[in-house]
C-alpha cells in the first residue's frame, strides 16, 4: 500500500506540499478543502471538499482511508479544523504536523494596533478612522455590522453574506496584490484605517507597506495558537523534511 498523506489545505503552502507528494513514488496524497471559496484552485492528487463532521467524523475518515500522516496546512486563522485534526489524529494514533508561515512583524513607521479578535478590532475602529479598508475576509463581518457611522471597503475572493456593515463597498479580488495597486486603492477610496488578520506571507503584505507610507493606522488581529504538542514547520520544504522525521520515528 502506498503511503497516504492527508493535507488539510486551501493555502499556497498546501498546494506546494501536494505537488511534491504527488510527484513522489509510493505516495498517495489527498487534499481536503473547506469549500468556502466558490471556485477553488484544485491541487494535484485526490481532493475532497467540505467538513468531516467534527473530531469523530475526521477520526472515522482517517481510519476508513488508512491515512498514515496528516499535514495541517490550513490558513493560520482556520482555527477549529486545526484543533479537530489534532484531537482526531491523537485518537487514531496518526502523526500530525502543521505548517504556519511566519507572521508579519512591524517595522519603523508602522502604526499597528493589536487585538485578539474581530470583535476587538471593531471596538478599536471608531477611535482610529472613518473610512475602513477591511481585509479580514468575508467571514465574520457581523462583528462590524453595528458600526453605521463608518464606511467600509471590504475585499474578499467571494461575495459576503449578511449581516454586514450598512455602509460598505465590496471589492471581489484575489491576491497577490502589488504595492502600486494598494497605494492607489488607499488613495482613491480615501482610506484612513486598515484592518487585517496576521496571515503572514508575501501575497497580501504590500497593503501594510502602503498603509505605512500613507501614515494610516492598522488594526492587526493576532492569529490563534497551534494546538499544543503539534510539530510546526514554517515552509513546505520544512514540512516535508519534518514529515520524513515524524514517519521515521513511528
C-alpha atoms as a PDB file:
ATOM      1  CA  UNK A   1       0.000   0.000   0.000  1.00  0.00           C
ATOM      2  CA  UNK A   2       1.338   3.474  -0.820  1.00  0.00           C
ATOM      3  CA  UNK A   3       1.942   5.973   1.947  1.00  0.00           C
ATOM      4  CA  UNK A   4      -1.284   8.002   2.325  1.00  0.00           C
ATOM      5  CA  UNK A   5      -0.932  11.634   3.456  1.00  0.00           C
ATOM      6  CA  UNK A   6      -3.935  13.861   4.148  1.00  0.00           C
ATOM      7  CA  UNK A   7      -3.172  17.555   3.540  1.00  0.00           C
ATOM      8  CA  UNK A   8      -5.619  19.979   5.121  1.00  0.00           C
ATOM      9  CA  UNK A   9      -5.336  22.705   2.546  1.00  0.00           C
ATOM     10  CA  UNK A  10      -6.597  25.860   0.947  1.00  0.00           C
ATOM     11  CA  UNK A  11      -3.275  27.710   1.083  1.00  0.00           C
ATOM     12  CA  UNK A  12      -0.300  28.166  -1.229  1.00  0.00           C
ATOM     13  CA  UNK A  13       1.758  26.051   1.152  1.00  0.00           C
ATOM     14  CA  UNK A  14      -0.760  23.217   0.956  1.00  0.00           C
ATOM     15  CA  UNK A  15      -0.673  23.233  -2.849  1.00  0.00           C
ATOM     16  CA  UNK A  16       3.133  23.087  -2.912  1.00  0.00           C
ATOM     17  CA  UNK A  17       3.121  20.186  -0.463  1.00  0.00           C
ATOM     18  CA  UNK A  18       0.532  18.329  -2.534  1.00  0.00           C
ATOM     19  CA  UNK A  19       2.594  18.898  -5.685  1.00  0.00           C
ATOM     20  CA  UNK A  20       5.725  17.479  -4.053  1.00  0.00           C
ATOM     21  CA  UNK A  21       3.955  14.476  -2.538  1.00  0.00           C
ATOM     22  CA  UNK A  22       2.079  13.686  -5.763  1.00  0.00           C
ATOM     23  CA  UNK A  23       5.387  13.569  -7.625  1.00  0.00           C
ATOM     24  CA  UNK A  24       6.908  11.138  -5.119  1.00  0.00           C
ATOM     25  CA  UNK A  25       6.819   7.430  -5.898  1.00  0.00           C
ATOM     26  CA  UNK A  26       4.862   5.309  -3.450  1.00  0.00           C
ATOM     27  CA  UNK A  27       2.899   8.240  -2.019  1.00  0.00           C
ATOM     28  CA  UNK A  28      -0.807   8.952  -2.220  1.00  0.00           C
ATOM     29  CA  UNK A  29      -1.943  12.448  -1.294  1.00  0.00           C
ATOM     30  CA  UNK A  30      -5.463  13.639  -0.530  1.00  0.00           C
ATOM     31  CA  UNK A  31      -6.064  17.379  -0.157  1.00  0.00           C
ATOM     32  CA  UNK A  32      -9.043  18.477   1.922  1.00  0.00           C
ATOM     33  CA  UNK A  33     -10.594  21.891   1.178  1.00  0.00           C
ATOM     34  CA  UNK A  34     -13.174  23.582   3.369  1.00  0.00           C
ATOM     35  CA  UNK A  35     -15.364  24.555   0.405  1.00  0.00           C
ATOM     36  CA  UNK A  36     -15.787  28.196   1.435  1.00  0.00           C
ATOM     37  CA  UNK A  37     -14.449  29.506  -1.896  1.00  0.00           C
ATOM     38  CA  UNK A  38     -16.823  29.122  -4.840  1.00  0.00           C
ATOM     39  CA  UNK A  39     -14.157  28.262  -7.443  1.00  0.00           C
ATOM     40  CA  UNK A  40     -11.101  26.905  -5.613  1.00  0.00           C
ATOM     41  CA  UNK A  41      -7.837  26.247  -7.388  1.00  0.00           C
ATOM     42  CA  UNK A  42      -7.538  22.470  -7.064  1.00  0.00           C
ATOM     43  CA  UNK A  43      -4.183  20.912  -6.158  1.00  0.00           C
ATOM     44  CA  UNK A  44      -2.852  17.735  -7.800  1.00  0.00           C
ATOM     45  CA  UNK A  45      -3.775  14.361  -6.389  1.00  0.00           C
ATOM     46  CA  UNK A  46      -7.077  13.398  -4.802  1.00  0.00           C
ATOM     47  CA  UNK A  47      -9.300  16.203  -3.482  1.00  0.00           C
ATOM     48  CA  UNK A  48     -12.181  16.184  -1.016  1.00  0.00           C
ATOM     49  CA  UNK A  49     -14.278  19.282  -0.309  1.00  0.00           C
ATOM     50  CA  UNK A  50     -16.297  20.016   2.823  1.00  0.00           C
ATOM     51  CA  UNK A  51     -16.151  19.333   6.543  1.00  0.00           C
ATOM     52  CA  UNK A  52     -15.573  15.987   8.239  1.00  0.00           C
ATOM     53  CA  UNK A  53     -18.302  16.273  10.857  1.00  0.00           C
ATOM     54  CA  UNK A  54     -16.163  17.228  13.829  1.00  0.00           C
ATOM     55  CA  UNK A  55     -13.498  15.246  15.619  1.00  0.00           C
ATOM     56  CA  UNK A  56     -15.326  11.916  15.474  1.00  0.00           C
ATOM     57  CA  UNK A  57     -16.074  12.298  11.770  1.00  0.00           C
ATOM     58  CA  UNK A  58     -12.452  13.093  10.969  1.00  0.00           C
ATOM     59  CA  UNK A  59     -11.204  10.190  13.063  1.00  0.00           C
ATOM     60  CA  UNK A  60     -13.556   7.852  11.188  1.00  0.00           C
ATOM     61  CA  UNK A  61     -12.316   9.219   7.868  1.00  0.00           C
ATOM     62  CA  UNK A  62      -8.667   8.710   8.835  1.00  0.00           C
ATOM     63  CA  UNK A  63      -9.377   5.099   9.769  1.00  0.00           C
ATOM     64  CA  UNK A  64     -11.517   4.329   6.721  1.00  0.00           C
ATOM     65  CA  UNK A  65      -8.985   5.752   4.277  1.00  0.00           C
ATOM     66  CA  UNK A  66      -5.928   4.303   6.020  1.00  0.00           C
ATOM     67  CA  UNK A  67      -4.194   7.655   6.418  1.00  0.00           C
ATOM     68  CA  UNK A  68      -0.555   7.402   7.528  1.00  0.00           C
ATOM     69  CA  UNK A  69       0.037  11.091   8.336  1.00  0.00           C
ATOM     70  CA  UNK A  70      -1.807  14.419   8.409  1.00  0.00           C
ATOM     71  CA  UNK A  71      -0.341  17.777   7.424  1.00  0.00           C
ATOM     72  CA  UNK A  72      -2.321  20.768   8.651  1.00  0.00           C
ATOM     73  CA  UNK A  73      -1.529  23.431   6.050  1.00  0.00           C
ATOM     74  CA  UNK A  74      -4.707  25.424   6.573  1.00  0.00           C
ATOM     75  CA  UNK A  75      -4.906  29.205   6.842  1.00  0.00           C
ATOM     76  CA  UNK A  76      -3.439  30.487  10.135  1.00  0.00           C
ATOM     77  CA  UNK A  77      -6.963  31.594  11.121  1.00  0.00           C
ATOM     78  CA  UNK A  78      -8.750  28.342  10.253  1.00  0.00           C
ATOM     79  CA  UNK A  79      -8.791  27.610  13.985  1.00  0.00           C
ATOM     80  CA  UNK A  80     -11.428  24.927  14.542  1.00  0.00           C
ATOM     81  CA  UNK A  81     -10.186  22.480  11.914  1.00  0.00           C
ATOM     82  CA  UNK A  82      -6.669  22.561  13.396  1.00  0.00           C
ATOM     83  CA  UNK A  83      -7.874  21.589  16.872  1.00  0.00           C
ATOM     84  CA  UNK A  84     -10.235  18.959  15.439  1.00  0.00           C
ATOM     85  CA  UNK A  85      -7.375  17.495  13.421  1.00  0.00           C
ATOM     86  CA  UNK A  86      -5.128  17.333  16.489  1.00  0.00           C
ATOM     87  CA  UNK A  87      -7.799  15.502  18.505  1.00  0.00           C
ATOM     88  CA  UNK A  88      -8.708  13.129  15.664  1.00  0.00           C
ATOM     89  CA  UNK A  89      -5.093  12.277  14.819  1.00  0.00           C
ATOM     90  CA  UNK A  90      -4.364  11.585  18.502  1.00  0.00           C
ATOM     91  CA  UNK A  91      -7.438   9.378  18.767  1.00  0.00           C
ATOM     92  CA  UNK A  92      -6.388   7.126  15.888  1.00  0.00           C
ATOM     93  CA  UNK A  93      -2.611   7.331  16.532  1.00  0.00           C
ATOM     94  CA  UNK A  94      -1.795   9.068  13.238  1.00  0.00           C
ATOM     95  CA  UNK A  95       1.138  11.523  13.245  1.00  0.00           C
ATOM     96  CA  UNK A  96       0.219  15.162  12.620  1.00  0.00           C
ATOM     97  CA  UNK A  97       2.304  18.229  11.808  1.00  0.00           C
ATOM     98  CA  UNK A  98       1.362  21.804  11.000  1.00  0.00           C
ATOM     99  CA  UNK A  99       2.663  24.366   8.510  1.00  0.00           C
ATOM    100  CA  UNK A 100       2.420  28.018   9.531  1.00  0.00           C
ATOM    101  CA  UNK A 101       4.064  30.758   7.512  1.00  0.00           C
ATOM    102  CA  UNK A 102       5.787  33.324   9.789  1.00  0.00           C
ATOM    103  CA  UNK A 103       3.589  36.181  10.925  1.00  0.00           C
ATOM    104  CA  UNK A 104       4.201  39.789   9.987  1.00  0.00           C
ATOM    105  CA  UNK A 105       6.492  41.950  12.117  1.00  0.00           C
ATOM    106  CA  UNK A 106       6.013  45.724  12.465  1.00  0.00           C
ATOM    107  CA  UNK A 107       8.847  47.996  11.323  1.00  0.00           C
ATOM    108  CA  UNK A 108       9.672  51.620  11.946  1.00  0.00           C
ATOM    109  CA  UNK A 109       6.829  53.862  10.820  1.00  0.00           C
ATOM    110  CA  UNK A 110       4.067  51.302  11.344  1.00  0.00           C
ATOM    111  CA  UNK A 111       1.092  52.348  13.470  1.00  0.00           C
ATOM    112  CA  UNK A 112      -0.206  48.947  14.491  1.00  0.00           C
ATOM    113  CA  UNK A 113      -2.971  48.260  16.997  1.00  0.00           C
ATOM    114  CA  UNK A 114      -3.041  44.589  18.009  1.00  0.00           C
ATOM    115  CA  UNK A 115      -6.161  42.699  19.059  1.00  0.00           C
ATOM    116  CA  UNK A 116      -7.180  39.074  19.552  1.00  0.00           C
ATOM    117  CA  UNK A 117     -10.480  39.066  17.653  1.00  0.00           C
ATOM    118  CA  UNK A 118     -12.638  40.735  15.017  1.00  0.00           C
ATOM    119  CA  UNK A 119     -14.867  41.997  17.821  1.00  0.00           C
ATOM    120  CA  UNK A 120     -11.814  43.620  19.372  1.00  0.00           C
ATOM    121  CA  UNK A 121     -10.953  45.217  16.031  1.00  0.00           C
ATOM    122  CA  UNK A 122     -14.480  46.621  15.757  1.00  0.00           C
ATOM    123  CA  UNK A 123     -14.180  48.210  19.193  1.00  0.00           C
ATOM    124  CA  UNK A 124     -10.957  49.982  18.195  1.00  0.00           C
ATOM    125  CA  UNK A 125     -12.143  51.404  14.867  1.00  0.00           C
ATOM    126  CA  UNK A 126     -14.290  54.410  15.942  1.00  0.00           C
ATOM    127  CA  UNK A 127     -11.242  55.997  17.609  1.00  0.00           C
ATOM    128  CA  UNK A 128      -8.937  55.405  14.637  1.00  0.00           C
ATOM    129  CA  UNK A 129     -10.745  56.434  11.456  1.00  0.00           C
ATOM    130  CA  UNK A 130     -13.905  56.779   9.407  1.00  0.00           C
ATOM    131  CA  UNK A 131     -13.058  55.090   6.089  1.00  0.00           C
ATOM    132  CA  UNK A 132     -12.008  51.495   6.692  1.00  0.00           C
ATOM    133  CA  UNK A 133     -10.203  49.112   4.350  1.00  0.00           C
ATOM    134  CA  UNK A 134     -11.349  45.720   5.658  1.00  0.00           C
ATOM    135  CA  UNK A 135      -9.209  42.775   4.509  1.00  0.00           C
ATOM    136  CA  UNK A 136     -10.240  40.093   7.004  1.00  0.00           C
ATOM    137  CA  UNK A 137     -12.265  38.031   4.516  1.00  0.00           C
ATOM    138  CA  UNK A 138     -15.990  37.602   4.096  1.00  0.00           C
ATOM    139  CA  UNK A 139     -16.481  35.534   7.262  1.00  0.00           C
ATOM    140  CA  UNK A 140     -17.076  37.411  10.482  1.00  0.00           C
ATOM    141  CA  UNK A 141     -18.446  40.647   9.068  1.00  0.00           C
ATOM    142  CA  UNK A 142     -21.156  40.562  11.735  1.00  0.00           C
ATOM    143  CA  UNK A 143     -18.545  41.953  14.144  1.00  0.00           C
ATOM    144  CA  UNK A 144     -18.654  45.249  12.219  1.00  0.00           C
ATOM    145  CA  UNK A 145     -22.373  45.330  11.393  1.00  0.00           C
ATOM    146  CA  UNK A 146     -23.261  47.870  14.106  1.00  0.00           C
ATOM    147  CA  UNK A 147     -20.681  50.451  13.027  1.00  0.00           C
ATOM    148  CA  UNK A 148     -23.089  52.553  10.978  1.00  0.00           C
ATOM    149  CA  UNK A 149     -21.020  55.746  11.346  1.00  0.00           C
ATOM    150  CA  UNK A 150     -18.090  54.200   9.437  1.00  0.00           C
ATOM    151  CA  UNK A 151     -17.670  53.458   5.728  1.00  0.00           C
ATOM    152  CA  UNK A 152     -16.058  50.145   4.728  1.00  0.00           C
ATOM    153  CA  UNK A 153     -14.247  48.907   1.652  1.00  0.00           C
ATOM    154  CA  UNK A 154     -14.355  45.115   2.024  1.00  0.00           C
ATOM    155  CA  UNK A 155     -12.092  42.955  -0.166  1.00  0.00           C
ATOM    156  CA  UNK A 156     -12.532  39.195  -0.493  1.00  0.00           C
ATOM    157  CA  UNK A 157     -12.489  36.397  -3.057  1.00  0.00           C
ATOM    158  CA  UNK A 158     -16.242  35.737  -2.843  1.00  0.00           C
ATOM    159  CA  UNK A 159     -19.184  37.998  -2.014  1.00  0.00           C
ATOM    160  CA  UNK A 160     -20.134  38.169   1.686  1.00  0.00           C
ATOM    161  CA  UNK A 161     -23.464  37.338   3.265  1.00  0.00           C
ATOM    162  CA  UNK A 162     -25.446  39.365   5.798  1.00  0.00           C
ATOM    163  CA  UNK A 163     -25.106  40.713   8.391  1.00  0.00           C
ATOM    164  CA  UNK A 164     -22.698  43.322   7.044  1.00  0.00           C
ATOM    165  CA  UNK A 165     -21.881  46.947   7.843  1.00  0.00           C
ATOM    166  CA  UNK A 166     -24.634  49.160   6.374  1.00  0.00           C
ATOM    167  CA  UNK A 167     -22.186  51.456   4.567  1.00  0.00           C
ATOM    168  CA  UNK A 168     -19.950  49.101   2.626  1.00  0.00           C
ATOM    169  CA  UNK A 169     -18.482  48.743  -0.859  1.00  0.00           C
ATOM    170  CA  UNK A 170     -17.405  45.238  -1.906  1.00  0.00           C
ATOM    171  CA  UNK A 171     -14.264  44.570  -3.934  1.00  0.00           C
ATOM    172  CA  UNK A 172     -14.008  40.997  -5.243  1.00  0.00           C
ATOM    173  CA  UNK A 173     -10.386  40.176  -5.911  1.00  0.00           C
ATOM    174  CA  UNK A 174      -7.761  37.516  -5.252  1.00  0.00           C
ATOM    175  CA  UNK A 175      -4.122  38.164  -4.343  1.00  0.00           C
ATOM    176  CA  UNK A 176      -1.262  38.578  -4.783  1.00  0.00           C
ATOM    177  CA  UNK A 177      -1.599  42.378  -4.772  1.00  0.00           C
ATOM    178  CA  UNK A 178       1.107  44.796  -5.920  1.00  0.00           C
ATOM    179  CA  UNK A 179       2.305  47.709  -3.837  1.00  0.00           C
ATOM    180  CA  UNK A 180       1.303  50.173  -6.540  1.00  0.00           C
ATOM    181  CA  UNK A 181      -2.247  48.780  -6.620  1.00  0.00           C
ATOM    182  CA  UNK A 182      -2.538  49.027  -2.838  1.00  0.00           C
ATOM    183  CA  UNK A 183      -1.270  52.613  -2.851  1.00  0.00           C
ATOM    184  CA  UNK A 184      -3.822  53.575  -5.492  1.00  0.00           C
ATOM    185  CA  UNK A 185      -6.660  51.811  -3.690  1.00  0.00           C
ATOM    186  CA  UNK A 186      -5.924  53.643  -0.427  1.00  0.00           C
ATOM    187  CA  UNK A 187      -5.641  56.971  -2.253  1.00  0.00           C
ATOM    188  CA  UNK A 188      -8.730  56.549  -4.439  1.00  0.00           C
ATOM    189  CA  UNK A 189     -11.016  55.482  -1.599  1.00  0.00           C
ATOM    190  CA  UNK A 190      -9.516  57.931   0.925  1.00  0.00           C
ATOM    191  CA  UNK A 191      -8.850  55.109   3.368  1.00  0.00           C
ATOM    192  CA  UNK A 192      -7.789  56.265   6.833  1.00  0.00           C
ATOM    193  CA  UNK A 193      -7.554  52.922   8.669  1.00  0.00           C
ATOM    194  CA  UNK A 194      -6.755  49.339   7.611  1.00  0.00           C
ATOM    195  CA  UNK A 195      -7.979  46.143   9.297  1.00  0.00           C
ATOM    196  CA  UNK A 196      -6.199  42.855   8.631  1.00  0.00           C
ATOM    197  CA  UNK A 197      -5.529  39.449  10.114  1.00  0.00           C
ATOM    198  CA  UNK A 198      -1.908  38.448  10.677  1.00  0.00           C
ATOM    199  CA  UNK A 199      -1.964  35.844   7.936  1.00  0.00           C
ATOM    200  CA  UNK A 200       1.714  36.373   7.087  1.00  0.00           C
ATOM    201  CA  UNK A 201       3.303  35.719   3.706  1.00  0.00           C
ATOM    202  CA  UNK A 202       4.040  37.981   0.749  1.00  0.00           C
ATOM    203  CA  UNK A 203       0.807  37.784  -1.262  1.00  0.00           C
ATOM    204  CA  UNK A 204      -1.085  40.381   0.773  1.00  0.00           C
ATOM    205  CA  UNK A 205       1.778  42.123   2.617  1.00  0.00           C
ATOM    206  CA  UNK A 206       2.002  45.163   0.257  1.00  0.00           C
ATOM    207  CA  UNK A 207      -1.089  46.667   1.924  1.00  0.00           C
ATOM    208  CA  UNK A 208       0.969  47.048   5.103  1.00  0.00           C
ATOM    209  CA  UNK A 209       3.673  48.955   3.231  1.00  0.00           C
ATOM    210  CA  UNK A 210       1.059  51.141   1.538  1.00  0.00           C
ATOM    211  CA  UNK A 211      -0.552  51.901   4.912  1.00  0.00           C
ATOM    212  CA  UNK A 212       2.832  52.798   6.401  1.00  0.00           C
ATOM    213  CA  UNK A 213       3.586  55.140   3.518  1.00  0.00           C
ATOM    214  CA  UNK A 214       0.168  56.779   3.879  1.00  0.00           C
ATOM    215  CA  UNK A 215       0.667  57.155   7.639  1.00  0.00           C
ATOM    216  CA  UNK A 216      -2.610  55.436   8.485  1.00  0.00           C
ATOM    217  CA  UNK A 217      -3.198  53.117  11.474  1.00  0.00           C
ATOM    218  CA  UNK A 218      -3.503  49.355  11.013  1.00  0.00           C
ATOM    219  CA  UNK A 219      -5.593  47.107  13.250  1.00  0.00           C
ATOM    220  CA  UNK A 220      -3.946  43.676  13.257  1.00  0.00           C
ATOM    221  CA  UNK A 221      -5.825  40.625  14.542  1.00  0.00           C
ATOM    222  CA  UNK A 222      -3.420  38.161  16.142  1.00  0.00           C
ATOM    223  CA  UNK A 223      -3.551  34.583  14.880  1.00  0.00           C
ATOM    224  CA  UNK A 224      -4.798  31.754  17.131  1.00  0.00           C
ATOM    225  CA  UNK A 225      -2.237  29.295  18.532  1.00  0.00           C
ATOM    226  CA  UNK A 226      -1.382  25.938  17.022  1.00  0.00           C
ATOM    227  CA  UNK A 227      -2.678  23.053  19.211  1.00  0.00           C
ATOM    228  CA  UNK A 228      -0.203  22.145  21.929  1.00  0.00           C
ATOM    229  CA  UNK A 229       2.230  19.373  21.100  1.00  0.00           C
ATOM    230  CA  UNK A 230       1.881  19.623  17.304  1.00  0.00           C
ATOM    231  CA  UNK A 231       5.239  19.985  15.484  1.00  0.00           C
ATOM    232  CA  UNK A 232       5.297  23.130  13.339  1.00  0.00           C
ATOM    233  CA  UNK A 233       7.157  23.892  10.112  1.00  0.00           C
ATOM    234  CA  UNK A 234       7.478  27.363   8.584  1.00  0.00           C
ATOM    235  CA  UNK A 235       7.671  26.339   4.899  1.00  0.00           C
ATOM    236  CA  UNK A 236       6.537  23.451   2.676  1.00  0.00           C
ATOM    237  CA  UNK A 237      10.136  22.289   2.399  1.00  0.00           C
ATOM    238  CA  UNK A 238      10.498  22.184   6.186  1.00  0.00           C
ATOM    239  CA  UNK A 239       7.169  20.373   6.394  1.00  0.00           C
ATOM    240  CA  UNK A 240       8.322  17.607   4.041  1.00  0.00           C
ATOM    241  CA  UNK A 241      11.562  17.184   5.997  1.00  0.00           C
ATOM    242  CA  UNK A 242       9.582  17.085   9.230  1.00  0.00           C
ATOM    243  CA  UNK A 243       7.185  14.529   7.723  1.00  0.00           C
ATOM    244  CA  UNK A 244      10.090  12.201   6.963  1.00  0.00           C
ATOM    245  CA  UNK A 245      11.356  12.619  10.527  1.00  0.00           C
ATOM    246  CA  UNK A 246       7.923  12.031  12.075  1.00  0.00           C
ATOM    247  CA  UNK A 247       7.271   8.919   9.979  1.00  0.00           C
ATOM    248  CA  UNK A 248      10.737   7.620  10.721  1.00  0.00           C
ATOM    249  CA  UNK A 249      10.057   7.864  14.448  1.00  0.00           C
ATOM    250  CA  UNK A 250       6.783   5.911  14.220  1.00  0.00           C
END
